[in-house]
Amino acid sequence: MIRRENGYPAGRMQYQSFEITNQLHIPDGLPHIRPLENKEAGTLSVYFQDTVSKIRLTLHYSIIEDSAAVIRSVQITNQGTEPVWVERALSALIDTAYTNEQLVTFYGTHQKEFHQLYTKRLFPRRWAEHERPVLLNSWEMCYFDVSEEKMLQVIQKAANLGFELVVLDDGWFGRRNNSKSSLGDWEVNTEKFPDGLTPFLECARKNNMQFGIWFEPEMISPDSRLMRAHPDWHAQIPGYTPLPGRNQLVLDLTRLEIQDYVLETLSSFLRLYPVSYVKWDMNRHITDPGSLTLPHDRTGEFFHRYILGLYRILDQLTARFPDILFENCSSGDGRFDAGMCFYMPQTWCSDNTDALDRQAIQYGASYLFPPSAITSHVSAVPNHQTGRQIPYSTRTAAASSANMGYELNILNLSPEENAQIKEHLAEYKARRNLLTTGKFYRLQSPFDNRNCAWMIMDQNKEQAVIYYFIREYDTAALSYLLKIPYLDADKIYMEENSGRRFTGEELIHAGLSIKPVSGDFPVVELNLTAENIM
């Protein structure tokens, strides 16, 4: 929908011509599907023209050798002398005469196409199929109560348990002792950390560990040096008092000078403290979508220009620091989309770490995103969000189905808990490649059933891990039946825990009988290894 200067719409588009090129079309300044060397691509560009307003519309359709996906983008060019306003440009619509077609959704094979396309062509190449470090995050362990003494102990203990990365979450900067101040003042709190963060980087190196940091760069606290220096930098609608959320306001990223401030401030920090990982958070909605610098006739462009500003920051920052693993977060998965995945290969899927709730959260996310795009942590019990007492094996199963980490206090563990964590980390690392790069299959939906099940299997259908989550004990159930339709019918599969053997055809059509487990929220883990039928 395009509006002309006289207020009337434009858009009577007439076909002009088409062009086919042997390359992938890449929109300027936007996230995109990446071209790969030695892989063929082709783009059909169809050109339309409104002869009155001189608006040119170009529809680009790209296909690539290693995917069944069609990649579409729209380009609108004003070739006239009058300004026009693009008021709406929605996703693709295919108009056809209805002849009893059926609608096929991504409940079919589309999920595998998304997973493959995102992994090979969307995520940053450095991290596309690279193993991610097993991390320990300080948030649910310390909240804002972080200090040099405590974090040095955490790094040393984490190394002993087998962690590969320690992340210092919120509370390390400005005068940040709670959520009421200091966002925007990205300098180390010298009361908590008198020697800066250098001791942590050195301690991590000595212990063969990596170190990471938390930022919320798009936000500003009313109580901050940045706000006192630039009281007009937050998003705002003239005449209205801005609505705070989590005691913070949103920086106006439609403005180039604010984009530059965020970019240069973070770049200076990352040069001074060469961390391995950055958690990029955004903990509130934008409720005042206005900018003091947008003309009155362009105020409706705020959200679009905000995201373009964010993309510019991320594009330059990830180019400057290609070896840093950036993790996307927005109170969890509030901004979990393909655009953010272009810059950040993994997303903190939810601030709710309860392993029962996580089954539905991760099951739903899997429709579009592979396990390597999802981050999941083992948290303490009772869970800090729900108060539930979830068994340790269930918490580790949910977390191990994605990029796995921990979010609990490791300094007060019992000897038995220390041994449990060591064993779990060793087991996860031994099959991390399968768990994070294998194909993900949904077997039983937590939205429709008492229980939940999924499987992660290698490309050759020779190894598979199945997690069968049971919500509660059912006294009437003699067994649960789980059919596994994605195996190879012509293979023999051995279940490693029991030593039992099954044909793939048997598991596909008859299914596997699973005995109920007493107690609430248990998990049954099945490990299948295949042999060809002789």
Protein backbone atom coordinates (compact mmCIF):
# COMPACT_ATOMS: atom_id res chain seq x y z
CA MET A 1 0.00 0.00 0.00
CA ILE A 2 1.66 3.20 -1.24
CA ARG A 3 0.34 6.73 -0.62
CA ARG A 4 1.20 9.64 -2.91
CA GLU A 5 1.81 13.24 -1.83
CA ASN A 6 -1.74 14.23 -2.83
CA GLY A 7 -3.11 11.64 -0.38
CA TYR A 8 -4.32 9.20 -3.03
CA PRO A 9 -2.98 5.65 -3.29
CA ALA A 10 -0.53 4.49 -5.90
CA GLY A 11 0.10 0.94 -6.92
CA ARG A 12 -1.56 0.11 -10.23
CA MET A 13 1.40 -2.06 -11.08
CA GLN A 14 1.79 -3.22 -14.67
CA TYR A 15 4.19 -5.94 -15.73
CA GLN A 16 7.27 -4.64 -17.54
CA SER A 17 9.88 -7.38 -17.82
CA PHE A 18 11.77 -10.11 -16.03
CA GLU A 19 15.40 -11.12 -15.55
CA ILE A 20 17.07 -14.37 -14.45
CA THR A 21 20.53 -14.26 -12.87
CA ASN A 22 22.78 -17.05 -11.63
CA GLN A 23 23.19 -15.69 -8.14
CA LEU A 24 21.36 -15.24 -4.87
CA HIS A 25 19.63 -11.89 -4.43
CA ILE A 26 20.81 -10.18 -1.23
CA PRO A 27 18.75 -7.23 0.05
CA ASP A 28 20.93 -4.26 0.95
CA GLY A 29 21.45 -3.75 4.69
CA LEU A 30 19.15 -6.56 5.81
CA PRO A 31 19.62 -10.07 7.19
CA HIS A 32 19.50 -12.63 4.41
CA ILE A 33 20.08 -16.20 3.36
CA ARG A 34 23.81 -16.49 2.79
CA PRO A 35 25.43 -17.56 -0.49
CA LEU A 36 27.80 -20.51 -0.28
CA GLU A 37 30.82 -21.23 -2.45
CA ASN A 38 30.42 -24.08 -4.93
CA LYS A 39 26.65 -24.02 -4.51
CA GLU A 40 24.53 -22.87 -7.42
CA ALA A 41 21.78 -20.28 -7.04
CA GLY A 42 19.39 -18.48 -9.34
CA THR A 43 17.12 -15.47 -9.01
CA LEU A 44 14.05 -14.53 -10.99
CA SER A 45 13.42 -10.77 -10.80
CA VAL A 46 10.04 -9.58 -12.05
CA TYR A 47 9.67 -5.84 -12.74
CA PHE A 48 6.41 -3.85 -12.47
CA GLN A 49 5.74 -0.16 -12.95
CA ASP A 50 3.02 2.28 -11.92
CA THR A 51 3.10 4.61 -14.92
CA VAL A 52 1.40 7.49 -13.05
CA SER A 53 3.44 7.65 -9.82
CA LYS A 54 6.60 6.18 -11.41
CA ILE A 55 6.88 3.61 -8.64
CA ARG A 56 8.86 0.53 -9.62
CA LEU A 57 8.10 -2.75 -7.89
CA THR A 58 10.57 -5.62 -8.16
CA LEU A 59 9.78 -9.11 -6.90
CA HIS A 60 12.86 -11.29 -6.34
CA TYR A 61 12.53 -15.08 -6.09
CA SER A 62 15.73 -17.01 -5.39
CA ILE A 63 16.34 -20.74 -5.37
CA ILE A 64 19.48 -22.47 -4.14
CA GLU A 65 21.02 -25.83 -4.87
CA ASP A 66 20.92 -27.30 -1.36
CA SER A 67 17.36 -26.41 -0.34
CA ALA A 68 13.78 -26.71 -1.53
CA ALA A 69 13.02 -23.25 -0.13
CA VAL A 70 12.06 -20.28 -2.29
CA ILE A 71 13.52 -17.03 -0.94
CA ARG A 72 11.42 -13.96 -1.68
CA SER A 73 12.01 -10.26 -1.24
CA VAL A 74 10.34 -7.08 -2.48
CA GLN A 75 12.05 -3.92 -3.66
CA ILE A 76 10.14 -0.64 -4.06
CA THR A 77 11.86 2.20 -5.93
CA ASN A 78 10.58 5.73 -6.42
CA GLN A 79 11.62 6.75 -9.93
CA GLY A 80 9.45 9.87 -9.95
CA THR A 81 9.97 13.40 -8.62
CA GLU A 82 7.34 13.40 -5.83
CA PRO A 83 7.72 11.75 -2.44
CA VAL A 84 5.62 8.68 -1.65
CA TRP A 85 4.89 6.81 1.59
CA VAL A 86 5.06 3.03 1.81
CA GLU A 87 2.34 2.29 4.35
CA ARG A 88 2.27 -1.48 4.07
CA ALA A 89 4.39 -4.21 2.48
CA LEU A 90 3.29 -7.61 3.74
CA SER A 91 4.49 -11.15 3.12
CA ALA A 92 3.86 -13.13 -0.03
CA LEU A 93 0.35 -13.92 -1.23
CA ILE A 94 -0.37 -16.35 -4.04
CA ASP A 95 -3.72 -15.83 -5.81
CA THR A 96 -4.97 -18.89 -7.68
CA ALA A 97 -8.31 -20.19 -8.82
CA TYR A 98 -9.58 -22.56 -6.10
CA THR A 99 -9.86 -26.12 -7.38
CA ASN A 100 -10.08 -28.06 -4.10
CA GLU A 101 -6.44 -27.69 -3.15
CA GLN A 102 -5.39 -28.74 0.34
CA LEU A 103 -3.36 -26.49 2.62
CA VAL A 104 -0.09 -28.10 3.68
CA THR A 105 1.64 -26.50 6.68
CA PHE A 106 5.02 -27.08 8.30
CA TYR A 107 3.58 -30.01 10.21
CA GLY A 108 4.93 -31.90 7.21
CA THR A 109 8.47 -31.88 5.88
CA HIS A 110 8.77 -28.09 5.96
CA GLN A 111 10.33 -28.18 9.43
CA LYS A 112 13.38 -30.08 8.14
CA GLU A 113 13.72 -27.55 5.31
CA PHE A 114 13.67 -24.66 7.80
CA HIS A 115 16.20 -26.35 10.08
CA GLN A 116 18.58 -27.13 7.23
CA LEU A 117 18.23 -23.71 5.62
CA TYR A 118 18.79 -21.85 8.89
CA THR A 119 21.75 -23.99 9.91
CA LYS A 120 23.60 -23.91 6.60
CA ARG A 121 22.54 -20.57 5.17
CA LEU A 122 21.30 -18.21 7.90
CA PHE A 123 23.42 -18.53 11.04
CA PRO A 124 26.83 -16.83 11.08
CA ARG A 125 29.24 -19.13 9.24
CA ARG A 126 31.63 -19.18 12.21
CA TRP A 127 28.96 -20.86 14.33
CA ALA A 128 26.68 -22.60 11.84
CA GLU A 129 27.75 -26.17 12.67
CA HIS A 130 30.31 -25.42 15.37
CA GLU A 131 30.02 -26.92 18.84
CA ARG A 132 28.91 -24.35 21.41
CA PRO A 133 30.53 -24.20 24.87
CA VAL A 134 28.78 -25.61 27.93
CA LEU A 135 28.20 -22.55 30.09
CA LEU A 136 27.33 -21.53 33.62
CA ASN A 137 25.34 -18.29 33.94
CA SER A 138 25.48 -16.21 37.12
CA TRP A 139 21.90 -14.89 37.06
CA GLU A 140 19.86 -17.42 39.06
CA MET A 141 22.98 -18.13 41.11
CA CYS A 142 23.69 -14.53 42.22
CA TYR A 143 21.15 -12.16 40.67
CA PHE A 144 22.60 -8.66 41.28
CA ASP A 145 24.83 -9.82 44.15
CA VAL A 146 28.00 -10.36 42.11
CA SER A 147 31.54 -9.58 43.29
CA GLU A 148 35.15 -10.25 42.39
CA GLU A 149 35.61 -12.70 45.26
CA LYS A 150 32.49 -14.69 44.42
CA MET A 151 33.05 -14.83 40.66
CA LEU A 152 36.67 -15.99 41.01
CA GLN A 153 35.41 -18.87 43.16
CA VAL A 154 32.73 -19.62 40.58
CA ILE A 155 35.22 -19.80 37.70
CA GLN A 156 37.54 -22.16 39.56
CA LYS A 157 34.71 -24.41 40.73
CA ALA A 158 33.11 -24.40 37.27
CA ALA A 159 36.38 -25.49 35.67
CA ASN A 160 36.64 -28.35 38.16
CA LEU A 161 33.13 -29.54 37.31
CA GLY A 162 33.76 -29.47 33.56
CA PHE A 163 32.13 -26.24 32.40
CA GLU A 164 33.73 -24.45 29.44
CA LEU A 165 32.37 -20.91 29.84
CA VAL A 166 31.28 -18.73 32.79
CA VAL A 167 28.92 -15.84 32.04
CA LEU A 168 28.70 -12.75 34.27
CA ASP A 169 25.07 -11.65 33.96
CA ASP A 170 23.36 -8.45 35.15
CA GLY A 171 24.79 -6.42 38.07
CA TRP A 172 28.42 -5.84 37.01
CA PHE A 173 28.24 -2.20 35.75
CA GLY A 174 27.53 1.34 36.94
CA ARG A 175 25.74 1.37 40.33
CA ARG A 176 23.69 -1.67 39.39
CA ASN A 177 22.50 -3.31 42.63
CA ASN A 178 18.93 -3.74 41.40
CA SER A 179 16.91 -3.02 38.27
CA LYS A 180 16.45 0.68 39.05
CA SER A 181 19.64 2.23 37.64
CA SER A 182 22.67 2.32 35.36
CA LEU A 183 21.51 0.86 32.03
CA GLY A 184 23.57 2.72 29.45
CA ASP A 185 26.55 3.19 31.79
CA TRP A 186 28.56 0.26 30.46
CA GLU A 187 31.57 0.65 32.74
CA VAL A 188 32.62 -1.87 35.39
CA ASN A 189 31.38 -1.28 38.94
CA THR A 190 34.68 -0.74 40.78
CA GLU A 191 33.13 -1.35 44.20
CA LYS A 192 32.22 -4.89 43.19
CA PHE A 193 35.19 -5.38 40.86
CA PRO A 194 38.06 -3.10 41.96
CA ASP A 195 40.43 -4.53 39.35
CA GLY A 196 37.92 -4.56 36.51
CA LEU A 197 37.18 -7.79 34.66
CA THR A 198 40.78 -8.62 33.78
CA PRO A 199 41.18 -10.98 36.80
CA PHE A 200 38.29 -13.09 35.47
CA LEU A 201 39.73 -13.33 31.98
CA GLU A 202 43.09 -14.35 33.43
CA CYS A 203 41.53 -16.83 35.84
CA ALA A 204 39.45 -18.34 33.03
CA ARG A 205 42.54 -18.74 30.81
CA LYS A 206 44.50 -20.41 33.61
CA ASN A 207 41.66 -22.87 34.07
CA ASN A 208 41.25 -23.50 30.33
CA MET A 209 37.90 -21.71 30.39
CA GLN A 210 36.13 -18.94 28.49
CA PHE A 211 34.47 -15.87 29.96
CA GLY A 212 31.27 -14.12 28.84
CA ILE A 213 29.27 -11.01 29.71
CA TRP A 214 25.66 -9.72 29.73
CA PHE A 215 24.51 -6.47 28.10
CA GLU A 216 21.17 -4.77 27.56
CA PRO A 217 22.40 -2.20 25.03
CA GLU A 218 19.04 -0.96 23.71
CA MET A 219 17.91 0.32 27.10
CA ILE A 220 18.51 3.35 29.31
CA SER A 221 17.74 3.80 33.02
CA PRO A 222 16.22 7.14 34.07
CA ASP A 223 18.77 6.99 36.89
CA SER A 224 21.95 6.85 34.82
CA ARG A 225 24.80 9.08 33.72
CA LEU A 226 23.71 8.53 30.13
CA MET A 227 20.21 9.84 30.86
CA ARG A 228 21.57 12.90 32.64
CA ALA A 229 23.88 13.63 29.70
CA HIS A 230 21.25 12.93 27.01
CA PRO A 231 17.72 13.28 28.45
CA ASP A 232 16.23 13.24 24.94
CA TRP A 233 17.74 9.96 23.77
CA HIS A 234 14.89 7.66 24.76
CA ALA A 235 11.94 6.75 22.57
CA GLN A 236 9.04 9.07 23.36
CA ILE A 237 5.79 10.52 22.05
CA PRO A 238 5.68 14.32 22.48
CA GLY A 239 3.19 15.40 25.11
CA TYR A 240 3.15 12.07 26.94
CA THR A 241 5.22 11.00 29.94
CA PRO A 242 7.10 7.85 28.84
CA LEU A 243 5.92 4.61 30.40
CA PRO A 244 8.76 2.78 32.19
CA GLY A 245 9.01 -0.98 32.12
CA ARG A 246 11.32 -2.83 34.51
CA ASN A 247 12.40 0.66 35.64
CA GLN A 248 13.86 1.43 32.22
CA LEU A 249 13.19 3.23 28.95
CA VAL A 250 14.13 2.33 25.38
CA LEU A 251 16.88 4.11 23.47
CA ASP A 252 15.73 5.68 20.21
CA LEU A 253 17.67 3.53 17.74
CA THR A 254 16.08 5.34 14.79
CA ARG A 255 18.73 8.05 15.39
CA LEU A 256 22.16 7.58 13.85
CA GLU A 257 24.06 9.25 16.72
CA ILE A 258 22.50 6.86 19.25
CA GLN A 259 23.32 3.86 17.07
CA ASP A 260 26.92 5.09 16.90
CA TYR A 261 27.05 5.53 20.68
CA VAL A 262 25.90 1.95 21.30
CA LEU A 263 28.24 0.56 18.65
CA GLU A 264 31.34 2.42 19.82
CA THR A 265 30.66 1.92 23.54
CA LEU A 266 30.34 -1.83 23.15
CA SER A 267 33.29 -2.02 20.75
CA SER A 268 35.54 -0.19 23.23
CA PHE A 269 34.46 -2.52 26.01
CA LEU A 270 35.04 -5.68 23.96
CA ARG A 271 38.50 -4.49 22.92
CA LEU A 272 39.41 -3.79 26.55
CA TYR A 273 37.91 -7.09 27.76
CA PRO A 274 38.16 -9.71 24.99
CA VAL A 275 35.35 -11.99 26.16
CA SER A 276 34.23 -15.07 24.22
CA TYR A 277 30.48 -14.66 24.61
CA VAL A 278 27.92 -11.84 24.81
CA LYS A 279 24.32 -12.27 25.98
CA TRP A 280 22.35 -9.45 24.30
CA ASP A 281 19.17 -8.85 26.28
CA MET A 282 16.03 -6.71 25.81
CA ASN A 283 13.71 -6.89 28.79
CA ARG A 284 10.72 -4.71 27.94
CA HIS A 285 8.26 -3.86 25.20
CA ILE A 286 8.35 -0.58 23.28
CA THR A 287 5.32 1.34 24.55
CA ASP A 288 6.28 4.83 23.32
CA PRO A 289 7.08 4.33 19.61
CA GLY A 290 8.12 7.87 18.83
CA SER A 291 11.24 9.83 17.97
CA LEU A 292 11.90 13.55 18.39
CA THR A 293 13.73 13.57 15.07
CA LEU A 294 11.14 11.94 12.78
CA PRO A 295 9.05 14.43 10.76
CA HIS A 296 5.33 14.40 11.58
CA ASP A 297 4.45 12.65 8.34
CA ARG A 298 6.91 9.80 9.08
CA THR A 299 6.07 9.00 12.71
CA GLY A 300 4.54 5.70 11.66
CA GLU A 301 7.98 4.51 10.51
CA PHE A 302 9.37 4.23 14.05
CA PHE A 303 9.31 0.45 14.49
CA HIS A 304 10.70 -0.17 11.01
CA ARG A 305 13.53 2.32 11.45
CA TYR A 306 14.25 1.05 14.98
CA ILE A 307 14.90 -2.45 13.66
CA LEU A 308 17.00 -1.11 10.79
CA GLY A 309 19.09 0.75 13.38
CA LEU A 310 19.46 -2.40 15.46
CA TYR A 311 20.49 -4.39 12.37
CA ARG A 312 23.13 -1.77 11.55
CA ILE A 313 24.61 -2.06 15.05
CA LEU A 314 24.60 -5.86 15.00
CA ASP A 315 26.00 -6.04 11.48
CA GLN A 316 29.01 -3.89 12.32
CA LEU A 317 29.57 -5.31 15.81
CA THR A 318 29.54 -8.95 14.70
CA ALA A 319 31.86 -8.06 11.79
CA ARG A 320 34.32 -6.41 14.20
CA PHE A 321 34.21 -9.34 16.62
CA PRO A 322 33.53 -12.45 14.50
CA ASP A 323 34.87 -14.88 17.10
CA ILE A 324 32.49 -13.80 19.85
CA LEU A 325 29.44 -16.00 20.31
CA PHE A 326 26.48 -13.60 20.54
CA GLU A 327 23.32 -14.94 22.17
CA ASN A 328 19.97 -13.29 21.50
CA CYS A 329 17.58 -12.71 24.41
CA SER A 330 14.43 -10.65 24.91
CA SER A 331 13.04 -11.68 28.30
CA GLY A 332 13.66 -15.06 26.74
CA ASP A 333 12.36 -15.55 23.18
CA GLY A 334 10.44 -12.28 22.78
CA ARG A 335 12.46 -11.53 19.64
CA PHE A 336 13.35 -15.03 18.44
CA ASP A 337 13.19 -14.71 14.66
CA ALA A 338 15.18 -15.34 11.51
CA GLY A 339 16.44 -11.74 11.37
CA MET A 340 18.14 -11.99 14.76
CA CYS A 341 19.45 -15.49 13.95
CA PHE A 342 21.44 -13.95 11.08
CA TYR A 343 23.63 -12.18 13.65
CA MET A 344 23.22 -14.43 16.69
CA PRO A 345 23.18 -18.21 16.14
CA GLN A 346 21.40 -19.03 19.40
CA THR A 347 18.59 -17.59 21.52
CA TRP A 348 17.78 -17.88 25.21
CA CYS A 349 14.41 -19.48 24.65
CA SER A 350 12.65 -18.33 27.83
CA ASP A 351 13.34 -16.85 31.25
CA ASN A 352 11.12 -19.67 32.52
CA THR A 353 13.62 -22.43 33.30
CA ASP A 354 11.07 -24.87 34.75
CA ALA A 355 11.70 -28.20 33.00
CA LEU A 356 7.99 -29.01 32.73
CA ASP A 357 7.12 -25.68 31.09
CA ARG A 358 10.24 -25.98 28.96
CA GLN A 359 8.85 -29.07 27.25
CA ALA A 360 6.07 -27.02 25.65
CA ILE A 361 8.35 -24.01 25.05
CA GLN A 362 11.06 -25.99 23.26
CA TYR A 363 8.59 -28.26 21.46
CA GLY A 364 6.87 -25.21 19.99
CA ALA A 365 10.13 -23.47 19.09
CA SER A 366 11.28 -26.57 17.20
CA TYR A 367 8.74 -25.99 14.44
CA LEU A 368 11.02 -23.28 13.02
CA PHE A 369 14.33 -23.57 14.83
CA PRO A 370 16.82 -26.47 15.15
CA PRO A 371 18.28 -27.44 18.55
CA SER A 372 21.47 -25.49 17.77
CA ALA A 373 19.45 -22.24 17.76
CA ILE A 374 17.91 -22.83 21.20
CA THR A 375 19.60 -22.36 24.57
CA SER A 376 18.34 -24.25 27.61
CA HIS A 377 19.71 -24.35 31.16
CA VAL A 378 19.55 -26.73 34.10
CA SER A 379 18.20 -24.69 37.02
CA ALA A 380 17.80 -25.22 40.75
CA VAL A 381 14.84 -26.71 42.62
CA PRO A 382 12.45 -25.50 43.79
CA ASN A 383 12.38 -23.66 40.48
CA HIS A 384 12.74 -19.89 40.92
CA GLN A 385 9.79 -19.14 38.63
CA THR A 386 7.24 -21.88 39.45
CA GLY A 387 8.41 -23.44 42.72
CA ARG A 388 8.18 -26.94 41.20
CA GLN A 389 10.42 -29.78 42.33
CA ILE A 390 11.51 -31.33 39.02
CA PRO A 391 13.84 -34.38 39.09
CA TYR A 392 17.44 -33.71 38.11
CA SER A 393 17.28 -36.21 35.24
CA THR A 394 14.28 -34.39 33.74
CA ARG A 395 15.97 -31.00 34.05
CA THR A 396 19.11 -32.30 32.33
CA ALA A 397 17.10 -34.02 29.57
CA ALA A 398 15.25 -30.83 28.66
CA ALA A 399 18.46 -28.77 28.69
CA SER A 400 20.48 -31.40 26.80
CA SER A 401 18.00 -31.21 23.92
CA ALA A 402 19.46 -27.81 22.96
CA ASN A 403 22.60 -25.76 23.63
CA MET A 404 23.01 -26.79 27.23
CA GLY A 405 24.07 -24.72 30.22
CA TYR A 406 23.42 -24.33 33.96
CA GLU A 407 21.77 -21.56 35.96
CA LEU A 408 22.22 -22.52 39.64
CA ASN A 409 24.56 -21.94 42.57
CA ILE A 410 27.48 -24.35 42.22
CA LEU A 411 29.23 -23.04 45.37
CA ASN A 412 26.91 -24.79 47.83
CA LEU A 413 26.53 -28.20 46.21
CA SER A 414 26.70 -31.47 48.12
CA PRO A 415 29.35 -34.06 47.12
CA GLU A 416 26.58 -36.08 45.45
CA GLU A 417 25.42 -33.06 43.43
CA ASN A 418 29.00 -32.29 42.36
CA ALA A 419 29.36 -35.86 41.09
CA GLN A 420 26.01 -35.66 39.27
CA ILE A 421 26.97 -32.50 37.41
CA LYS A 422 30.42 -33.83 36.48
CA GLU A 423 28.85 -36.98 35.07
CA HIS A 424 26.17 -35.09 33.16
CA LEU A 425 28.63 -32.64 31.59
CA ALA A 426 30.92 -35.49 30.49
CA GLU A 427 27.98 -37.38 28.93
CA TYR A 428 26.68 -34.26 27.17
CA LYS A 429 30.08 -33.42 25.69
CA ALA A 430 30.48 -37.00 24.43
CA ARG A 431 27.38 -36.67 22.27
CA ARG A 432 27.15 -32.90 21.90
CA ASN A 433 27.61 -33.11 18.15
CA LEU A 434 24.53 -35.33 17.83
CA LEU A 435 22.42 -33.29 20.22
CA THR A 436 23.14 -29.91 18.62
CA THR A 437 23.54 -30.78 14.92
CA GLY A 438 21.28 -33.82 14.56
CA LYS A 439 17.78 -33.76 13.14
CA PHE A 440 15.02 -32.97 15.62
CA TYR A 441 11.75 -34.92 15.44
CA ARG A 442 8.63 -34.31 17.50
CA LEU A 443 7.02 -37.56 18.62
CA GLN A 444 4.33 -36.61 21.14
CA SER A 445 2.98 -33.14 21.73
CA PRO A 446 2.72 -31.72 25.27
CA PHE A 447 -0.16 -29.59 23.98
CA ASP A 448 -2.31 -32.63 23.12
CA ASN A 449 -1.16 -35.37 25.47
CA ARG A 450 -0.41 -36.15 29.07
CA ASN A 451 3.20 -36.76 28.07
CA CYS A 452 5.79 -35.29 25.70
CA ALA A 453 8.41 -36.95 23.53
CA TRP A 454 11.00 -35.94 20.97
CA MET A 455 13.97 -37.49 19.22
CA ILE A 456 17.31 -36.18 17.95
CA MET A 457 18.89 -38.38 15.27
CA ASP A 458 22.00 -38.20 13.11
CA GLN A 459 21.82 -37.65 9.35
CA ASN A 460 22.32 -41.34 8.54
CA LYS A 461 19.64 -42.59 10.95
CA GLU A 462 22.20 -44.64 12.84
CA GLN A 463 22.14 -42.95 16.24
CA ALA A 464 19.21 -41.44 18.08
CA VAL A 465 18.41 -40.08 21.53
CA ILE A 466 14.76 -40.10 22.60
CA TYR A 467 13.44 -38.28 25.64
CA TYR A 468 10.00 -39.38 26.84
CA PHE A 469 8.74 -36.92 29.46
CA ILE A 470 5.95 -38.14 31.75
CA ARG A 471 3.86 -35.43 33.37
CA GLU A 472 2.45 -37.44 36.27
CA TYR A 473 2.05 -41.02 37.40
CA ASP A 474 -1.02 -42.71 35.96
CA THR A 475 -2.20 -45.66 38.07
CA ALA A 476 -4.36 -46.92 35.20
CA ALA A 477 -1.55 -47.03 32.64
CA LEU A 478 0.13 -50.40 32.19
CA SER A 479 2.50 -48.90 29.61
CA TYR A 480 2.85 -46.04 27.15
CA LEU A 481 3.14 -46.74 23.44
CA LEU A 482 5.54 -44.59 21.42
CA LYS A 483 5.70 -44.97 17.65
CA ILE A 484 8.87 -43.66 16.00
CA PRO A 485 8.04 -43.11 12.30
CA TYR A 486 11.34 -41.46 11.28
CA LEU A 487 13.70 -44.42 11.66
CA ASP A 488 15.13 -46.58 8.85
CA ALA A 489 12.82 -49.56 8.36
CA ASP A 490 15.72 -51.65 7.01
CA LYS A 491 17.91 -51.36 10.10
CA ILE A 492 18.14 -53.19 13.41
CA TYR A 493 18.18 -50.78 16.37
CA MET A 494 19.62 -51.66 19.76
CA GLU A 495 18.40 -49.70 22.78
CA GLU A 496 21.61 -49.23 24.74
CA ASN A 497 20.14 -48.93 28.23
CA SER A 498 18.21 -52.21 28.09
CA GLY A 499 20.19 -54.08 25.41
CA ARG A 500 16.95 -54.90 23.56
CA ARG A 501 16.92 -55.01 19.76
CA PHE A 502 14.13 -53.96 17.42
CA THR A 503 13.70 -53.66 13.70
CA GLY A 504 13.17 -50.17 12.41
CA GLU A 505 9.94 -51.36 10.82
CA GLU A 506 8.70 -52.59 14.20
CA LEU A 507 9.41 -49.26 15.91
CA ILE A 508 7.83 -47.35 13.03
CA HIS A 509 4.55 -49.29 12.86
CA ALA A 510 4.07 -51.11 16.19
CA GLY A 511 5.98 -48.73 18.42
CA LEU A 512 7.90 -49.13 21.64
CA SER A 513 6.33 -49.95 24.97
CA ILE A 514 7.47 -47.67 27.79
CA LYS A 515 6.77 -48.60 31.40
CA PRO A 516 5.33 -45.90 33.67
CA VAL A 517 7.72 -44.39 36.20
CA SER A 518 6.51 -43.52 39.68
CA GLY A 519 6.47 -39.93 40.85
CA ASP A 520 5.74 -36.68 39.04
CA PHE A 521 7.66 -35.26 36.06
CA PRO A 522 10.05 -38.18 35.37
CA VAL A 523 11.80 -38.78 32.05
CA VAL A 524 12.66 -41.98 30.21
CA GLU A 525 15.77 -41.74 28.04
CA LEU A 526 16.23 -44.12 25.11
CA ASN A 527 19.44 -44.43 23.11
CA LEU A 528 19.18 -46.23 19.77
CA THR A 529 22.14 -47.48 17.73
CA ALA A 530 21.47 -48.98 14.30
CA GLU A 531 22.87 -51.92 12.38
CA ASN A 532 22.05 -52.81 8.78
CA ILE A 533 20.03 -56.00 8.25
CA MET A 534 22.32 -58.60 6.72
